[in-house]
Amino acid sequence: MPDRRAIVNPVKGKKPPETGRFAIIAATESDLRLLAHLAEPPVVEQRKLYMSSLQVHANDQQRFTLVGPLVGAPYAAMIVESLGVWGVEKILFIGWCGAVSRRVKAGDIIVPDSAMVDEGTSGHYCDPSCRVALPARPLVHQARKALQHHGADFHDGAVWTTDAIFRETVEKVKHYQAKGALAVEMELSAILTVAGFREMEAAGILVVSDDLSDYQWRPGFKTPAFKSARESACQAALTMINC
């Protein structure tokens, strides 16, 4: 049997943040700001976490953490590891993605029920042959209910997680279209895999920001539908905190 014990492990540190059990990871700085603006409990602690910002929001009824921005699977894994050692038990990822399926378009919302592994981080936490990462079913259910509560339509389905945003080739897109992927992004499969390894629950809500489903790139970052969907996703995320 190979010795899979890690030599370097996450540590609490001398003054760990009091994160609460629930954390929302925002891939983008703009969504982090939006979450902070919409959150009712005030910020009671703020610090740097690697290249990201960590904000603890708390009042007498709630305590939760917002973290972001981040890019890519290895860095996402570092964030999840740190949150886990500080006591976070549930993670919701809010990210952007590019449409791969022609059933989705910029401004749509996706609640992933799986993430296809096309990144190098997950193989360090599970069998390297594992090609699909799964979210925690209870969190997926809560995400769907929260979006419905805010009147937001959404798609359920698989997404594809890649390491290389500039190598989303025609061949690759066709491959993942054939596998049923709705969209492509860069963090979710690693977040799910690391969370599962550390016995945490994790899920995601993704907003479609651009479209490459017909092998041409069409950005949708400035559309009203995209802005509205981001707000719905962030409102839903904050609704989930007490679930």
C-alpha atoms as a PDB file:
ATOM      1  CA  MET A   1       0.000   0.000   0.000  1.00  0.00           C
ATOM      2  CA  PRO A   2       1.384   3.458  -0.868  1.00  0.00           C
ATOM      3  CA  ASP A   3       1.923   5.868   2.011  1.00  0.00           C
ATOM      4  CA  ARG A   4      -0.491   8.719   1.224  1.00  0.00           C
ATOM      5  CA  ARG A   5       0.161  10.738   4.369  1.00  0.00           C
ATOM      6  CA  ALA A   6       0.811  14.394   3.559  1.00  0.00           C
ATOM      7  CA  ILE A   7       4.004  16.009   4.816  1.00  0.00           C
ATOM      8  CA  VAL A   8       2.549  19.537   4.707  1.00  0.00           C
ATOM      9  CA  ASN A   9      -0.920  19.952   6.215  1.00  0.00           C
ATOM     10  CA  PRO A  10      -3.264  22.912   6.817  1.00  0.00           C
ATOM     11  CA  VAL A  11      -2.907  24.411  10.283  1.00  0.00           C
ATOM     12  CA  LYS A  12      -5.196  26.628  12.355  1.00  0.00           C
ATOM     13  CA  GLY A  13      -2.505  29.127  13.278  1.00  0.00           C
ATOM     14  CA  LYS A  14      -2.286  31.115  16.506  1.00  0.00           C
ATOM     15  CA  LYS A  15      -5.316  33.332  15.864  1.00  0.00           C
ATOM     16  CA  PRO A  16      -7.714  31.497  13.545  1.00  0.00           C
ATOM     17  CA  PRO A  17     -10.800  33.351  12.356  1.00  0.00           C
ATOM     18  CA  GLU A  18     -14.146  32.395  13.897  1.00  0.00           C
ATOM     19  CA  THR A  19     -15.614  31.470  10.544  1.00  0.00           C
ATOM     20  CA  GLY A  20     -18.868  29.791  11.497  1.00  0.00           C
ATOM     21  CA  ARG A  21     -19.973  26.543   9.865  1.00  0.00           C
ATOM     22  CA  PHE A  22     -20.977  27.975   6.444  1.00  0.00           C
ATOM     23  CA  ALA A  23     -18.741  29.672   3.892  1.00  0.00           C
ATOM     24  CA  ILE A  24     -19.493  31.146   0.488  1.00  0.00           C
ATOM     25  CA  ILE A  25     -16.574  31.202  -1.931  1.00  0.00           C
ATOM     26  CA  ALA A  26     -16.931  33.782  -4.702  1.00  0.00           C
ATOM     27  CA  ALA A  27     -14.728  33.296  -7.740  1.00  0.00           C
ATOM     28  CA  THR A  28     -14.836  36.986  -8.683  1.00  0.00           C
ATOM     29  CA  GLU A  29     -14.211  40.160  -6.740  1.00  0.00           C
ATOM     30  CA  SER A  30     -17.412  41.688  -8.126  1.00  0.00           C
ATOM     31  CA  ASP A  31     -19.522  38.859  -6.704  1.00  0.00           C
ATOM     32  CA  LEU A  32     -17.665  39.054  -3.388  1.00  0.00           C
ATOM     33  CA  ARG A  33     -18.586  42.745  -3.186  1.00  0.00           C
ATOM     34  CA  LEU A  34     -22.181  41.970  -4.150  1.00  0.00           C
ATOM     35  CA  LEU A  35     -22.480  39.280  -1.464  1.00  0.00           C
ATOM     36  CA  ALA A  36     -21.041  41.634   1.158  1.00  0.00           C
ATOM     37  CA  HIS A  37     -23.488  44.352   0.084  1.00  0.00           C
ATOM     38  CA  LEU A  38     -26.499  42.021   0.278  1.00  0.00           C
ATOM     39  CA  ALA A  39     -25.536  40.355   3.558  1.00  0.00           C
ATOM     40  CA  GLU A  40     -27.475  41.574   6.586  1.00  0.00           C
ATOM     41  CA  PRO A  41     -25.019  40.689   9.376  1.00  0.00           C
ATOM     42  CA  PRO A  42     -22.112  43.153   9.473  1.00  0.00           C
ATOM     43  CA  VAL A  43     -18.460  42.304   8.934  1.00  0.00           C
ATOM     44  CA  VAL A  44     -16.905  41.477  12.315  1.00  0.00           C
ATOM     45  CA  GLU A  45     -13.531  40.293  11.035  1.00  0.00           C
ATOM     46  CA  GLN A  46     -11.607  40.745   7.824  1.00  0.00           C
ATOM     47  CA  ARG A  47      -8.189  39.463   6.813  1.00  0.00           C
ATOM     48  CA  LYS A  48      -6.114  38.360   3.865  1.00  0.00           C
ATOM     49  CA  LEU A  49      -6.216  34.671   2.970  1.00  0.00           C
ATOM     50  CA  TYR A  50      -3.367  34.032   0.534  1.00  0.00           C
ATOM     51  CA  MET A  51      -4.280  36.347  -2.375  1.00  0.00           C
ATOM     52  CA  SER A  52      -7.951  36.534  -1.365  1.00  0.00           C
ATOM     53  CA  SER A  53     -10.019  38.389   1.195  1.00  0.00           C
ATOM     54  CA  LEU A  54     -11.790  36.591   4.041  1.00  0.00           C
ATOM     55  CA  GLN A  55     -14.742  38.337   5.683  1.00  0.00           C
ATOM     56  CA  VAL A  56     -16.613  36.997   8.700  1.00  0.00           C
ATOM     57  CA  HIS A  57     -20.178  38.315   8.996  1.00  0.00           C
ATOM     58  CA  ALA A  58     -22.013  37.859  12.274  1.00  0.00           C
ATOM     59  CA  ASN A  59     -24.853  38.977  14.496  1.00  0.00           C
ATOM     60  CA  ASP A  60     -26.817  37.254  17.271  1.00  0.00           C
ATOM     61  CA  GLN A  61     -28.509  34.897  14.792  1.00  0.00           C
ATOM     62  CA  GLN A  62     -25.881  34.209  12.117  1.00  0.00           C
ATOM     63  CA  ARG A  63     -22.164  33.713  11.604  1.00  0.00           C
ATOM     64  CA  PHE A  64     -20.723  32.888   8.192  1.00  0.00           C
ATOM     65  CA  THR A  65     -17.709  33.598   6.026  1.00  0.00           C
ATOM     66  CA  LEU A  66     -17.243  35.088   2.564  1.00  0.00           C
ATOM     67  CA  VAL A  67     -14.019  34.396   0.668  1.00  0.00           C
ATOM     68  CA  GLY A  68     -12.752  35.476  -2.742  1.00  0.00           C
ATOM     69  CA  PRO A  69     -11.701  36.053  -5.392  1.00  0.00           C
ATOM     70  CA  LEU A  70      -9.908  32.957  -6.665  1.00  0.00           C
ATOM     71  CA  VAL A  71      -8.895  31.381  -9.967  1.00  0.00           C
ATOM     72  CA  GLY A  72      -8.195  27.749 -10.766  1.00  0.00           C
ATOM     73  CA  ALA A  73      -8.316  24.376  -9.093  1.00  0.00           C
ATOM     74  CA  PRO A  74      -5.026  24.401  -7.093  1.00  0.00           C
ATOM     75  CA  TYR A  75      -5.782  27.730  -5.477  1.00  0.00           C
ATOM     76  CA  ALA A  76      -9.391  26.727  -4.805  1.00  0.00           C
ATOM     77  CA  ALA A  77      -8.066  23.626  -3.019  1.00  0.00           C
ATOM     78  CA  MET A  78      -5.879  25.779  -0.775  1.00  0.00           C
ATOM     79  CA  ILE A  79      -8.875  27.917   0.183  1.00  0.00           C
ATOM     80  CA  VAL A  80     -11.057  24.889   0.963  1.00  0.00           C
ATOM     81  CA  GLU A  81      -8.290  23.299   3.042  1.00  0.00           C
ATOM     82  CA  SER A  82      -7.881  26.463   5.100  1.00  0.00           C
ATOM     83  CA  LEU A  83     -11.605  26.878   5.671  1.00  0.00           C
ATOM     84  CA  GLY A  84     -11.901  23.249   6.744  1.00  0.00           C
ATOM     85  CA  VAL A  85      -9.188  23.446   9.383  1.00  0.00           C
ATOM     86  CA  TRP A  86     -10.887  26.568  10.806  1.00  0.00           C
ATOM     87  CA  GLY A  87     -14.193  24.747  11.293  1.00  0.00           C
ATOM     88  CA  VAL A  88     -16.205  25.390   8.119  1.00  0.00           C
ATOM     89  CA  GLU A  89     -18.454  22.414   7.407  1.00  0.00           C
ATOM     90  CA  LYS A  90     -20.441  23.620   4.382  1.00  0.00           C
ATOM     91  CA  ILE A  91     -19.204  25.485   1.311  1.00  0.00           C
ATOM     92  CA  LEU A  92     -21.169  27.066  -1.508  1.00  0.00           C
ATOM     93  CA  PHE A  93     -19.214  28.174  -4.560  1.00  0.00           C
ATOM     94  CA  ILE A  94     -20.489  31.104  -6.640  1.00  0.00           C
ATOM     95  CA  GLY A  95     -18.792  31.216 -10.025  1.00  0.00           C
ATOM     96  CA  TRP A  96     -19.095  32.120 -13.678  1.00  0.00           C
ATOM     97  CA  CYS A  97     -19.026  29.668 -16.562  1.00  0.00           C
ATOM     98  CA  GLY A  98     -19.088  29.437 -20.343  1.00  0.00           C
ATOM     99  CA  ALA A  99     -21.985  27.736 -22.112  1.00  0.00           C
ATOM    100  CA  VAL A 100     -21.060  24.459 -23.799  1.00  0.00           C
ATOM    101  CA  SER A 101     -24.581  23.166 -24.346  1.00  0.00           C
ATOM    102  CA  ARG A 102     -26.764  25.034 -26.791  1.00  0.00           C
ATOM    103  CA  ARG A 103     -29.564  24.754 -24.226  1.00  0.00           C
ATOM    104  CA  VAL A 104     -27.972  27.446 -22.077  1.00  0.00           C
ATOM    105  CA  LYS A 105     -26.986  31.050 -22.772  1.00  0.00           C
ATOM    106  CA  ALA A 106     -25.384  34.032 -21.078  1.00  0.00           C
ATOM    107  CA  GLY A 107     -27.473  35.123 -18.104  1.00  0.00           C
ATOM    108  CA  ASP A 108     -28.669  31.602 -17.284  1.00  0.00           C
ATOM    109  CA  ILE A 109     -28.024  29.965 -13.904  1.00  0.00           C
ATOM    110  CA  ILE A 110     -26.768  26.416 -13.428  1.00  0.00           C
ATOM    111  CA  VAL A 111     -26.947  24.281 -10.285  1.00  0.00           C
ATOM    112  CA  PRO A 112     -24.387  21.557 -11.075  1.00  0.00           C
ATOM    113  CA  ASP A 113     -25.210  17.980 -10.117  1.00  0.00           C
ATOM    114  CA  SER A 114     -21.681  16.891 -11.089  1.00  0.00           C
ATOM    115  CA  ALA A 115     -18.389  18.318 -12.308  1.00  0.00           C
ATOM    116  CA  MET A 116     -16.276  16.507 -14.898  1.00  0.00           C
ATOM    117  CA  VAL A 117     -12.625  16.517 -13.859  1.00  0.00           C
ATOM    118  CA  ASP A 118     -10.273  18.018 -16.440  1.00  0.00           C
ATOM    119  CA  GLU A 119      -7.935  19.589 -13.885  1.00  0.00           C
ATOM    120  CA  GLY A 120      -4.900  18.234 -12.088  1.00  0.00           C
ATOM    121  CA  THR A 121      -5.747  18.899  -8.459  1.00  0.00           C
ATOM    122  CA  SER A 122      -8.512  16.366  -7.806  1.00  0.00           C
ATOM    123  CA  GLY A 123      -6.246  13.399  -8.534  1.00  0.00           C
ATOM    124  CA  HIS A 124      -4.188  14.252  -5.460  1.00  0.00           C
ATOM    125  CA  TYR A 125      -7.270  13.804  -3.247  1.00  0.00           C
ATOM    126  CA  CYS A 126      -8.946  10.815  -4.876  1.00  0.00           C
ATOM    127  CA  ASP A 127      -8.076   8.002  -7.235  1.00  0.00           C
ATOM    128  CA  PRO A 128      -6.440   9.654 -10.273  1.00  0.00           C
ATOM    129  CA  SER A 129      -8.805   7.683 -12.494  1.00  0.00           C
ATOM    130  CA  CYS A 130     -11.805   9.502 -10.981  1.00  0.00           C
ATOM    131  CA  ARG A 131     -13.286  11.693 -13.703  1.00  0.00           C
ATOM    132  CA  VAL A 132     -16.411  13.072 -11.989  1.00  0.00           C
ATOM    133  CA  ALA A 133     -16.809  15.001  -8.725  1.00  0.00           C
ATOM    134  CA  LEU A 134     -20.161  15.111  -6.973  1.00  0.00           C
ATOM    135  CA  PRO A 135     -21.662  17.825  -4.762  1.00  0.00           C
ATOM    136  CA  ALA A 136     -23.419  17.234  -1.450  1.00  0.00           C
ATOM    137  CA  ARG A 137     -27.021  16.405  -2.319  1.00  0.00           C
ATOM    138  CA  PRO A 138     -28.555  18.326   0.622  1.00  0.00           C
ATOM    139  CA  LEU A 139     -26.742  21.513  -0.434  1.00  0.00           C
ATOM    140  CA  VAL A 140     -27.819  21.050  -4.056  1.00  0.00           C
ATOM    141  CA  HIS A 141     -31.416  20.717  -2.889  1.00  0.00           C
ATOM    142  CA  GLN A 142     -31.075  23.852  -0.748  1.00  0.00           C
ATOM    143  CA  ALA A 143     -29.576  25.792  -3.666  1.00  0.00           C
ATOM    144  CA  ARG A 144     -32.503  24.866  -5.884  1.00  0.00           C
ATOM    145  CA  LYS A 145     -35.024  25.856  -3.210  1.00  0.00           C
ATOM    146  CA  ALA A 146     -33.230  29.149  -2.548  1.00  0.00           C
ATOM    147  CA  LEU A 147     -33.216  30.083  -6.230  1.00  0.00           C
ATOM    148  CA  GLN A 148     -36.898  29.211  -6.508  1.00  0.00           C
ATOM    149  CA  HIS A 149     -37.569  31.380  -3.449  1.00  0.00           C
ATOM    150  CA  HIS A 150     -36.047  34.330  -5.301  1.00  0.00           C
ATOM    151  CA  GLY A 151     -37.968  33.556  -8.495  1.00  0.00           C
ATOM    152  CA  ALA A 152     -34.888  32.544 -10.481  1.00  0.00           C
ATOM    153  CA  ASP A 153     -34.980  29.934 -13.225  1.00  0.00           C
ATOM    154  CA  PHE A 154     -32.024  27.559 -13.459  1.00  0.00           C
ATOM    155  CA  HIS A 155     -30.647  24.478 -15.194  1.00  0.00           C
ATOM    156  CA  ASP A 156     -29.606  21.241 -13.474  1.00  0.00           C
ATOM    157  CA  GLY A 157     -26.788  19.226 -14.963  1.00  0.00           C
ATOM    158  CA  ALA A 158     -23.100  18.492 -15.332  1.00  0.00           C
ATOM    159  CA  VAL A 159     -20.306  21.004 -15.881  1.00  0.00           C
ATOM    160  CA  TRP A 160     -16.738  20.568 -17.091  1.00  0.00           C
ATOM    161  CA  THR A 161     -13.844  21.896 -14.988  1.00  0.00           C
ATOM    162  CA  THR A 162     -10.681  22.764 -16.914  1.00  0.00           C
ATOM    163  CA  ASP A 163      -7.226  24.043 -15.971  1.00  0.00           C
ATOM    164  CA  ALA A 164      -6.683  25.890 -19.240  1.00  0.00           C
ATOM    165  CA  ILE A 165      -9.121  28.638 -20.160  1.00  0.00           C
ATOM    166  CA  PHE A 166      -7.254  29.320 -23.411  1.00  0.00           C
ATOM    167  CA  ARG A 167      -7.218  25.656 -24.465  1.00  0.00           C
ATOM    168  CA  GLU A 168     -10.964  25.128 -24.697  1.00  0.00           C
ATOM    169  CA  THR A 169     -10.506  23.722 -28.185  1.00  0.00           C
ATOM    170  CA  VAL A 170     -13.190  22.701 -30.666  1.00  0.00           C
ATOM    171  CA  GLU A 171     -12.236  19.073 -30.055  1.00  0.00           C
ATOM    172  CA  LYS A 172     -12.566  19.488 -26.275  1.00  0.00           C
ATOM    173  CA  VAL A 173     -15.898  21.301 -26.484  1.00  0.00           C
ATOM    174  CA  LYS A 174     -17.312  18.615 -28.779  1.00  0.00           C
ATOM    175  CA  HIS A 175     -16.041  15.923 -26.386  1.00  0.00           C
ATOM    176  CA  TYR A 176     -17.766  17.442 -23.348  1.00  0.00           C
ATOM    177  CA  GLN A 177     -20.902  18.298 -25.308  1.00  0.00           C
ATOM    178  CA  ALA A 178     -21.159  14.587 -26.119  1.00  0.00           C
ATOM    179  CA  LYS A 179     -20.842  13.813 -22.407  1.00  0.00           C
ATOM    180  CA  GLY A 180     -23.710  16.178 -21.591  1.00  0.00           C
ATOM    181  CA  ALA A 181     -21.823  19.105 -20.071  1.00  0.00           C
ATOM    182  CA  LEU A 182     -23.832  22.303 -19.822  1.00  0.00           C
ATOM    183  CA  ALA A 183     -20.878  24.641 -19.268  1.00  0.00           C
ATOM    184  CA  VAL A 184     -17.165  24.953 -18.546  1.00  0.00           C
ATOM    185  CA  GLU A 185     -15.423  26.596 -15.575  1.00  0.00           C
ATOM    186  CA  MET A 186     -12.167  26.267 -13.615  1.00  0.00           C
ATOM    187  CA  GLU A 187     -12.747  25.447  -9.929  1.00  0.00           C
ATOM    188  CA  LEU A 188     -15.790  23.371  -9.048  1.00  0.00           C
ATOM    189  CA  SER A 189     -14.575  19.782  -9.446  1.00  0.00           C
ATOM    190  CA  ALA A 190     -11.572  20.505  -7.214  1.00  0.00           C
ATOM    191  CA  ILE A 191     -13.717  22.223  -4.591  1.00  0.00           C
ATOM    192  CA  LEU A 192     -16.050  19.222  -4.491  1.00  0.00           C
ATOM    193  CA  THR A 193     -13.223  16.690  -4.376  1.00  0.00           C
ATOM    194  CA  VAL A 194     -11.265  18.434  -1.624  1.00  0.00           C
ATOM    195  CA  ALA A 195     -14.403  19.041   0.427  1.00  0.00           C
ATOM    196  CA  GLY A 196     -15.347  15.371   0.160  1.00  0.00           C
ATOM    197  CA  PHE A 197     -11.845  14.295   1.178  1.00  0.00           C
ATOM    198  CA  ARG A 198     -12.050  16.525   4.264  1.00  0.00           C
ATOM    199  CA  GLU A 199     -15.606  15.362   5.093  1.00  0.00           C
ATOM    200  CA  MET A 200     -17.155  18.737   4.300  1.00  0.00           C
ATOM    201  CA  GLU A 201     -20.257  19.435   2.219  1.00  0.00           C
ATOM    202  CA  ALA A 202     -19.912  21.516  -0.938  1.00  0.00           C
ATOM    203  CA  ALA A 203     -22.022  22.586  -3.903  1.00  0.00           C
ATOM    204  CA  GLY A 204     -22.113  25.382  -6.451  1.00  0.00           C
ATOM    205  CA  ILE A 205     -24.257  27.924  -8.230  1.00  0.00           C
ATOM    206  CA  LEU A 206     -22.851  29.077 -11.571  1.00  0.00           C
ATOM    207  CA  VAL A 207     -23.890  32.013 -13.741  1.00  0.00           C
ATOM    208  CA  VAL A 208     -23.316  31.707 -17.488  1.00  0.00           C
ATOM    209  CA  SER A 209     -21.121  34.636 -18.536  1.00  0.00           C
ATOM    210  CA  ASP A 210     -20.244  33.678 -22.105  1.00  0.00           C
ATOM    211  CA  ASP A 211     -20.994  31.121 -24.818  1.00  0.00           C
ATOM    212  CA  LEU A 212     -18.767  28.812 -26.869  1.00  0.00           C
ATOM    213  CA  SER A 213     -21.356  26.173 -27.735  1.00  0.00           C
ATOM    214  CA  ASP A 214     -21.087  26.773 -31.510  1.00  0.00           C
ATOM    215  CA  TYR A 215     -17.246  26.943 -31.392  1.00  0.00           C
ATOM    216  CA  GLN A 216     -17.178  30.732 -31.501  1.00  0.00           C
ATOM    217  CA  TRP A 217     -16.691  32.822 -28.365  1.00  0.00           C
ATOM    218  CA  ARG A 218     -19.521  35.217 -27.506  1.00  0.00           C
ATOM    219  CA  PRO A 219     -19.031  37.147 -24.259  1.00  0.00           C
ATOM    220  CA  GLY A 220     -22.118  38.120 -22.276  1.00  0.00           C
ATOM    221  CA  PHE A 221     -20.548  39.866 -19.291  1.00  0.00           C
ATOM    222  CA  LYS A 222     -22.258  43.205 -19.950  1.00  0.00           C
ATOM    223  CA  THR A 223     -25.784  41.945 -20.610  1.00  0.00           C
ATOM    224  CA  PRO A 224     -28.641  42.878 -18.245  1.00  0.00           C
ATOM    225  CA  ALA A 225     -29.550  39.177 -17.977  1.00  0.00           C
ATOM    226  CA  PHE A 226     -26.078  38.339 -16.657  1.00  0.00           C
ATOM    227  CA  LYS A 227     -26.187  41.104 -14.056  1.00  0.00           C
ATOM    228  CA  SER A 228     -29.647  40.012 -12.902  1.00  0.00           C
ATOM    229  CA  ALA A 229     -28.600  36.367 -12.680  1.00  0.00           C
ATOM    230  CA  ARG A 230     -25.559  37.243 -10.562  1.00  0.00           C
ATOM    231  CA  GLU A 231     -27.764  39.072  -8.086  1.00  0.00           C
ATOM    232  CA  SER A 232     -30.194  36.132  -7.923  1.00  0.00           C
ATOM    233  CA  ALA A 233     -27.333  33.695  -7.347  1.00  0.00           C
ATOM    234  CA  CYS A 234     -25.885  35.804  -4.537  1.00  0.00           C
ATOM    235  CA  GLN A 235     -29.271  36.302  -2.890  1.00  0.00           C
ATOM    236  CA  ALA A 236     -29.891  32.555  -3.043  1.00  0.00           C
ATOM    237  CA  ALA A 237     -26.479  31.827  -1.524  1.00  0.00           C
ATOM    238  CA  LEU A 238     -27.167  34.072   1.454  1.00  0.00           C
ATOM    239  CA  THR A 239     -30.619  32.497   1.887  1.00  0.00           C
ATOM    240  CA  MET A 240     -28.949  29.103   2.331  1.00  0.00           C
ATOM    241  CA  ILE A 241     -26.925  30.064   5.385  1.00  0.00           C
ATOM    242  CA  ASN A 242     -29.542  29.053   7.953  1.00  0.00           C
ATOM    243  CA  CYS A 243     -30.819  26.001   6.066  1.00  0.00           C
END
